[in-house]
């Protein structure tokens, strides 16, 4: 299968930015659909990239945008419901709309971003159930006409992630950090490896119809991730692991904080370990990179930057 023209939905998010750059630099022609084109002008400097303003709610517009495309990549997702965004709309109804548009536009290849432990029937949280239902929608709606691959990554890390960087910010705020769900287990996967998995799967027939779990080489508890972050920031912090009851209570309170750092649904998601039963990287012949190979230099750089800023503030007060 030859893939030259690719339409990416969710191309301005964390994974999307990396994927669009990767595909464009590889010489593929990439169209990125977004609601507000002017907010993403940085993508316009990339070779072979078009930023197209369009509503993903407009089924007819999707068909027009997909015409002539060799593949469509679906990345949209939310961790929490807020405002007008609901799990079913983003994870189920939008994939249904996109699948229908792909059929009408005769797109032959679709890559779909899901989540580890996605399960429409037995997922412990609304997030994981909706992700599982979205997978089913994508694979069933495509039928024999479209080759679909879903990806189920564990938590994704990188220099611009929202995992290590979020905890880095929290650790700088206070010498004591109460930690909900401290024993939850993850196999953090590098964003560059996830991007490479998408890229290789585009033309790899062995991946057609598969739901591929993606995990890094090491497993960490949430507490270990936080302590790791503090250590590489050069911070001595007291991390207080909370048991199930207090964790649930904290999730209930934090859902009302700005940015919803944690919600009861997040708590339910973390009751299941985010580790792979069968790592899809093997099928794709990718050796996933470890946290140790990427994050220490970034976190140390954040620490130096923070110290330099504090020094300049101190010098300015003299």
Protein backbone atom coordinates (compact mmCIF):
# COMPACT_ATOMS: atom_id res chain seq x y z
CA UNK A 1 0.00 0.00 0.00
CA UNK A 2 1.34 3.40 -1.02
CA UNK A 3 0.64 6.23 1.44
CA UNK A 4 1.54 9.76 0.36
CA UNK A 5 -1.47 11.93 1.28
CA UNK A 6 -2.42 11.84 4.98
CA UNK A 7 -5.09 13.75 6.89
CA UNK A 8 -4.46 14.09 10.62
CA UNK A 9 -7.19 14.88 13.14
CA UNK A 10 -5.84 16.06 16.49
CA UNK A 11 -2.58 17.08 14.85
CA UNK A 12 -2.07 20.08 17.14
CA UNK A 13 -1.99 18.07 20.39
CA UNK A 14 0.98 16.52 22.21
CA UNK A 15 1.31 13.38 20.07
CA UNK A 16 -0.09 15.10 16.99
CA UNK A 17 2.62 17.77 16.85
CA UNK A 18 5.34 15.12 16.93
CA UNK A 19 3.58 12.90 14.40
CA UNK A 20 2.90 15.69 11.89
CA UNK A 21 6.55 16.78 12.00
CA UNK A 22 7.73 13.18 11.60
CA UNK A 23 5.49 12.48 8.59
CA UNK A 24 6.24 15.80 6.92
CA UNK A 25 9.99 15.38 7.32
CA UNK A 26 9.67 11.92 5.79
CA UNK A 27 8.26 13.53 2.64
CA UNK A 28 4.58 12.72 3.07
CA UNK A 29 1.95 15.36 2.35
CA UNK A 30 0.05 16.10 5.56
CA UNK A 31 -3.22 17.97 6.04
CA UNK A 32 -4.10 18.91 9.62
CA UNK A 33 -7.72 19.73 10.43
CA UNK A 34 -8.21 22.23 13.24
CA UNK A 35 -10.96 24.54 14.46
CA UNK A 36 -8.66 27.57 14.72
CA UNK A 37 -5.96 27.74 12.07
CA UNK A 38 -4.41 30.96 13.36
CA UNK A 39 -3.45 29.34 16.67
CA UNK A 40 -1.12 26.84 15.02
CA UNK A 41 1.01 28.86 12.68
CA UNK A 42 4.15 27.07 13.93
CA UNK A 43 3.06 24.06 11.88
CA UNK A 44 3.01 26.13 8.71
CA UNK A 45 6.82 26.31 8.64
CA UNK A 46 7.02 22.51 8.33
CA UNK A 47 7.55 21.16 4.81
CA UNK A 48 4.60 19.40 3.18
CA UNK A 49 2.05 20.52 5.82
CA UNK A 50 -1.31 22.22 5.23
CA UNK A 51 -3.35 23.55 8.16
CA UNK A 52 -7.03 23.42 7.28
CA UNK A 53 -9.70 25.14 9.36
CA UNK A 54 -12.71 22.87 9.72
CA UNK A 55 -15.24 21.66 12.26
CA UNK A 56 -15.00 17.95 13.04
CA UNK A 57 -18.75 18.03 13.71
CA UNK A 58 -19.47 18.71 10.04
CA UNK A 59 -19.86 15.28 8.42
CA UNK A 60 -20.09 16.61 4.87
CA UNK A 61 -16.95 18.71 5.30
CA UNK A 62 -15.06 15.66 6.56
CA UNK A 63 -15.95 13.75 3.41
CA UNK A 64 -14.60 16.60 1.26
CA UNK A 65 -11.38 16.86 3.28
CA UNK A 66 -10.81 13.09 3.10
CA UNK A 67 -11.22 12.82 -0.68
CA UNK A 68 -7.90 11.95 -2.29
CA UNK A 69 -6.34 10.93 1.03
CA UNK A 70 -4.44 7.66 1.27
CA UNK A 71 -4.86 7.56 5.06
CA UNK A 72 -6.61 9.30 7.94
CA UNK A 73 -5.07 9.47 11.42
CA UNK A 74 -7.47 9.95 14.34
CA UNK A 75 -5.87 11.34 17.53
CA UNK A 76 -8.55 13.36 19.41
CA UNK A 77 -9.15 12.41 23.04
CA UNK A 78 -9.94 13.92 26.44
CA UNK A 79 -8.98 12.69 29.91
CA UNK A 80 -11.82 14.56 31.62
CA UNK A 81 -15.22 15.90 30.67
CA UNK A 82 -15.52 19.67 30.82
CA UNK A 83 -17.56 22.39 29.18
CA UNK A 84 -19.16 20.98 26.06
CA UNK A 85 -16.73 18.08 25.74
CA UNK A 86 -18.09 14.67 26.72
CA UNK A 87 -16.45 11.27 26.48
CA UNK A 88 -19.10 9.84 24.17
CA UNK A 89 -18.93 12.75 21.75
CA UNK A 90 -15.13 12.75 21.44
CA UNK A 91 -14.37 9.03 21.79
CA UNK A 92 -17.45 7.39 20.21
CA UNK A 93 -19.58 9.74 18.10
CA UNK A 94 -16.64 11.50 16.47
CA UNK A 95 -14.98 8.19 15.44
CA UNK A 96 -18.36 7.10 14.03
CA UNK A 97 -18.59 10.32 12.00
CA UNK A 98 -15.00 9.96 10.80
CA UNK A 99 -15.46 6.29 9.85
CA UNK A 100 -18.56 7.09 7.81
CA UNK A 101 -16.73 9.93 6.06
CA UNK A 102 -13.77 7.63 5.28
CA UNK A 103 -16.10 5.10 3.69
CA UNK A 104 -17.77 7.78 1.56
CA UNK A 105 -14.43 9.32 0.56
CA UNK A 106 -12.96 5.86 -0.19
CA UNK A 107 -10.05 6.20 2.21
CA UNK A 108 -8.26 2.85 2.47
CA UNK A 109 -6.22 3.26 5.68
CA UNK A 110 -7.11 4.58 9.16
CA UNK A 111 -4.93 4.81 12.28
CA UNK A 112 -6.82 5.32 15.53
CA UNK A 113 -5.45 6.46 18.89
CA UNK A 114 -7.06 4.60 21.77
CA UNK A 115 -5.81 3.85 25.30
CA UNK A 116 -4.42 0.90 27.22
CA UNK A 117 -7.22 -1.03 28.99
CA UNK A 118 -9.89 0.40 26.67
CA UNK A 119 -12.91 -1.91 26.99
CA UNK A 120 -16.47 -0.99 26.02
CA UNK A 121 -18.04 -3.59 28.32
CA UNK A 122 -15.68 -3.97 31.27
CA UNK A 123 -13.63 -0.77 31.49
CA UNK A 124 -13.60 0.47 35.10
CA UNK A 125 -14.09 4.12 34.12
CA UNK A 126 -16.26 6.07 31.70
CA UNK A 127 -13.05 7.15 29.95
CA UNK A 128 -11.90 3.57 29.27
CA UNK A 129 -15.38 2.35 28.32
CA UNK A 130 -15.79 5.18 25.81
CA UNK A 131 -12.33 4.54 24.38
CA UNK A 132 -13.20 0.86 23.96
CA UNK A 133 -16.50 1.68 22.29
CA UNK A 134 -14.71 4.07 19.95
CA UNK A 135 -12.33 1.29 18.94
CA UNK A 136 -15.27 -0.99 18.18
CA UNK A 137 -16.94 1.74 16.13
CA UNK A 138 -13.80 2.30 14.06
CA UNK A 139 -13.18 -1.38 13.33
CA UNK A 140 -16.80 -2.38 12.68
CA UNK A 141 -17.80 0.64 10.61
CA UNK A 142 -14.80 0.25 8.31
CA UNK A 143 -15.65 -3.37 7.51
CA UNK A 144 -13.62 -4.84 4.69
CA UNK A 145 -13.32 -1.52 2.88
CA UNK A 146 -10.79 0.12 5.20
CA UNK A 147 -7.72 -1.25 6.99
CA UNK A 148 -7.91 0.05 10.58
CA UNK A 149 -5.25 -0.16 13.30
CA UNK A 150 -5.89 1.06 16.85
CA UNK A 151 -3.06 1.92 19.23
CA UNK A 152 -3.33 1.46 22.98
CA UNK A 153 -0.40 3.25 24.65
CA UNK A 154 0.34 3.39 28.35
CA UNK A 155 1.04 6.90 29.64
CA UNK A 156 3.14 8.81 27.07
CA UNK A 157 6.20 10.80 28.11
CA UNK A 158 8.53 13.30 26.45
CA UNK A 159 10.16 16.67 27.10
CA UNK A 160 6.85 18.45 26.44
CA UNK A 161 4.54 15.93 28.15
CA UNK A 162 1.86 16.56 30.77
CA UNK A 163 3.04 13.80 33.14
CA UNK A 164 6.58 14.48 34.33
CA UNK A 165 6.22 18.20 33.67
CA UNK A 166 2.99 18.45 35.67
CA UNK A 167 4.57 16.77 38.67
CA UNK A 168 7.69 18.90 38.22
CA UNK A 169 5.50 21.97 38.63
CA UNK A 170 3.70 20.57 41.66
CA UNK A 171 6.93 19.53 43.36
CA UNK A 172 8.30 23.05 43.05
CA UNK A 173 5.26 24.49 44.81
CA UNK A 174 5.43 22.64 48.11
CA UNK A 175 7.84 20.59 50.25
CA UNK A 176 5.04 18.06 50.90
CA UNK A 177 3.00 16.29 48.21
CA UNK A 178 0.03 14.08 49.16
CA UNK A 179 -0.24 11.53 46.33
CA UNK A 180 -3.45 9.77 45.37
CA UNK A 181 -3.28 6.34 43.68
CA UNK A 182 0.43 6.15 44.51
CA UNK A 183 0.56 2.41 43.79
CA UNK A 184 -0.95 2.63 40.29
CA UNK A 185 1.44 1.01 37.81
CA UNK A 186 2.44 2.33 34.38
CA UNK A 187 4.85 1.42 31.58
CA UNK A 188 5.66 4.95 30.30
CA UNK A 189 6.18 5.04 26.54
CA UNK A 190 8.24 7.67 24.71
CA UNK A 191 6.28 9.93 22.35
CA UNK A 192 8.91 9.42 19.64
CA UNK A 193 8.34 5.67 19.74
CA UNK A 194 4.56 6.11 19.54
CA UNK A 195 5.05 8.35 16.49
CA UNK A 196 7.35 5.77 14.90
CA UNK A 197 4.72 3.08 15.54
CA UNK A 198 2.09 5.11 13.68
CA UNK A 199 4.48 5.78 10.82
CA UNK A 200 5.54 2.15 10.35
CA UNK A 201 2.01 0.80 10.68
CA UNK A 202 0.77 2.94 7.79
CA UNK A 203 2.01 0.42 5.22
CA UNK A 204 2.57 -2.71 7.34
CA UNK A 205 -0.12 -5.20 6.38
CA UNK A 206 0.51 -7.31 9.51
CA UNK A 207 -0.89 -4.42 11.56
CA UNK A 208 -4.16 -4.17 9.61
CA UNK A 209 -7.18 -4.84 11.82
CA UNK A 210 -5.03 -5.01 14.98
CA UNK A 211 -5.38 -3.26 18.33
CA UNK A 212 -1.78 -2.76 19.38
CA UNK A 213 -0.73 -2.16 22.98
CA UNK A 214 2.33 0.09 23.32
CA UNK A 215 4.52 0.11 26.43
CA UNK A 216 7.96 1.26 27.39
CA UNK A 217 10.58 -1.19 28.71
CA UNK A 218 10.15 -0.34 32.42
CA UNK A 219 7.25 -0.35 34.87
CA UNK A 220 6.87 2.35 37.53
CA UNK A 221 4.32 3.08 40.20
CA UNK A 222 2.99 6.63 40.28
CA UNK A 223 4.94 7.19 43.49
CA UNK A 224 8.15 6.09 41.76
CA UNK A 225 7.47 8.48 38.88
CA UNK A 226 7.03 11.39 41.31
CA UNK A 227 10.14 10.53 43.32
CA UNK A 228 12.12 10.10 40.10
CA UNK A 229 11.02 13.56 38.97
CA UNK A 230 11.95 15.15 42.30
CA UNK A 231 15.37 13.47 42.30
CA UNK A 232 16.28 14.73 38.82
CA UNK A 233 15.04 18.22 39.69
CA UNK A 234 17.37 18.18 42.67
CA UNK A 235 14.45 18.63 45.10
CA UNK A 236 14.06 17.01 48.49
CA UNK A 237 10.32 16.49 48.95
CA UNK A 238 8.11 14.51 51.30
CA UNK A 239 5.78 12.37 49.17
CA UNK A 240 2.82 11.03 51.15
CA UNK A 241 1.17 8.01 49.43
CA UNK A 242 -2.58 7.91 50.07
CA UNK A 243 -4.62 4.74 50.44
CA UNK A 244 -7.79 4.04 48.41
CA UNK A 245 -10.25 5.95 50.61
CA UNK A 246 -8.29 9.21 50.87
CA UNK A 247 -7.33 8.89 47.17
CA UNK A 248 -10.99 8.75 46.19
CA UNK A 249 -11.71 11.74 48.45
CA UNK A 250 -8.84 13.75 46.94
CA UNK A 251 -10.06 12.95 43.42
CA UNK A 252 -13.50 14.22 44.38
CA UNK A 253 -12.02 17.50 45.58
CA UNK A 254 -9.50 18.03 42.79
CA UNK A 255 -12.16 17.71 40.09
CA UNK A 256 -13.21 21.26 41.07
CA UNK A 257 -9.68 22.69 40.90
CA UNK A 258 -8.54 24.64 37.80
CA UNK A 259 -7.50 22.23 35.07
CA UNK A 260 -9.06 19.26 36.92
CA UNK A 261 -5.75 17.70 38.07
CA UNK A 262 -7.67 14.54 39.07
CA UNK A 263 -11.28 13.35 38.97
CA UNK A 264 -13.22 10.36 40.34
CA UNK A 265 -13.15 8.91 36.81
CA UNK A 266 -9.35 9.21 36.73
CA UNK A 267 -9.28 7.38 40.06
CA UNK A 268 -11.31 4.53 38.55
CA UNK A 269 -9.01 4.36 35.49
CA UNK A 270 -5.97 3.95 37.73
CA UNK A 271 -7.47 0.97 39.53
CA UNK A 272 -6.22 -1.11 36.57
CA UNK A 273 -2.48 -1.30 35.91
CA UNK A 274 -1.50 0.43 32.66
CA UNK A 275 0.93 -2.27 31.53
CA UNK A 276 0.95 -4.35 28.35
CA UNK A 277 -0.05 -7.97 28.05
CA UNK A 278 1.50 -8.11 24.57
CA UNK A 279 3.67 -5.23 23.37
CA UNK A 280 2.81 -4.11 19.84
CA UNK A 281 6.30 -2.68 19.36
CA UNK A 282 7.51 -6.21 18.66
CA UNK A 283 5.27 -6.51 15.60
CA UNK A 284 6.55 -3.13 14.38
CA UNK A 285 10.21 -4.02 15.03
CA UNK A 286 10.68 -1.04 17.37
CA UNK A 287 12.87 -1.13 20.48
CA UNK A 288 11.12 1.31 22.86
CA UNK A 289 13.25 3.82 24.71
CA UNK A 290 13.38 4.08 28.47
CA UNK A 291 12.52 7.04 30.67
CA UNK A 292 16.19 7.11 31.71
CA UNK A 293 17.31 7.69 28.12
CA UNK A 294 15.19 10.84 27.71
CA UNK A 295 13.95 12.56 30.86
CA UNK A 296 16.97 13.10 33.17
CA UNK A 297 18.57 15.67 30.84
CA UNK A 298 15.24 17.48 30.39
CA UNK A 299 14.44 17.57 34.11
CA UNK A 300 17.96 18.66 35.00
CA UNK A 301 17.60 21.43 32.44
CA UNK A 302 14.34 22.53 34.09
CA UNK A 303 16.10 22.58 37.45
CA UNK A 304 18.97 24.73 36.12
CA UNK A 305 16.51 27.08 34.44
CA UNK A 306 14.58 27.43 37.70
CA UNK A 307 17.75 28.19 39.67
CA UNK A 308 18.88 30.80 37.12
CA UNK A 309 15.48 32.49 37.28
CA UNK A 310 15.59 32.56 41.07
CA UNK A 311 19.09 34.02 40.96
CA UNK A 312 17.96 36.81 38.62
CA UNK A 313 15.01 37.61 40.90
CA UNK A 314 17.30 37.69 43.91
CA UNK A 315 19.81 39.94 42.13
CA UNK A 316 17.02 42.29 41.12
CA UNK A 317 15.99 42.78 44.75
CA UNK A 318 19.45 43.86 45.85
